[in-house]
Amino acid sequence: MTKQTGTTPAGTAWSMCGEGEALVLIHGVGLDQSIWGGQCEGLQRHYSVITYDMLGHGRSPLQSADATLEDYAEQLFELLQHLNISKAHVVGFSMGGLVARVFALRYPQKLARLVILGSVFNRSDAVRNAILARTEEVARDGANANLQTALERWFSPEYRAASPGQIERIRELVLGNNPTGYLRAYRLFAGGDNYLADQVQNISCPTLVMTGELDPGSTPAMAQELAAKLPDGRCLVMPGQRHMMPMESPQRVNDALLSFLKSPANNNNSQTQSHLSKEASL
């Protein structure tokens, strides 16, 4: 299928392939829209799959020094307006999940269904302090400061051994970021787990909160707690998966997304039961 690319009047770089209802995919800190290759390939027969570079990433503009998650939500709104999309399904991964939460609260009329994938909620003080300490390492030493340990958290040992080219591509992607944009986004992500947490019960659309069983940062316990606060939330924990499961296991992720997006409406409070890992440490 033909892939379209472009930029919005505000400068957001985007791509779109497929046909049907709009499905927007939001990447995480230090990455860009290229991480969604497996989803674009697998989902374009069902949806118009739209990816874009968040502020301060890829080919999109640098965010301001005082940028907030609202600015990132506004970026998505401007993209949908530019593409003449009245309503979309939105999948937010990692920091993209925080952006998607804020977007759902600010622009509910633009949202059909929401997926919060491998994202964070209500970190403990100890975990939050550890994340904030990592941001200071990045401020001092750049993106390479804790990148190796991040790659080990993100991908399974088996995938790292079998796909060294992909691991190197992600390493180069993170290191290729504008240092200022990366640090600003990282700081937002570090402090944003509970941003507007007292309002998430106002997200009324069907929402899937999904993470990997072995994701040490975006834990199953976080996913279950967030889903329980949503009027139409459900939680799915993917057995054996780590943080970067959209890349490591695209077909499994795609199957889960399709199952949710095509499920009947009006399943209020139908929490999907799934195995929770015993450990939830960073």
Foldseek 3Di string as FASTA:
>chain_A
DDKDWDAFPQFKTKIWAAADAEEEEEEAFLAAQVLQPLVCVPCRPPHTYMGIGFAQADRGHHDDLPDALVVRLVVVVRVCVRVVQQAHEYEAAAVRLLSQLVNLVPPVRRYAEYEDELYAADDDPVLLVVLVVVLVQCVVPNQVSCVVVVLPQAFPPVCCVVCVVVSVVSVCSSRPGDSVRSSSRSVNSSPRRCPCVVPSQVNAHAYEYEYEQRAQHRFQVRSVVSQQSYFRGAYYYHYPHGRSCCNVPVVVVNVVVCCRVPDDPDPTPPYDDDDHHPDRHD
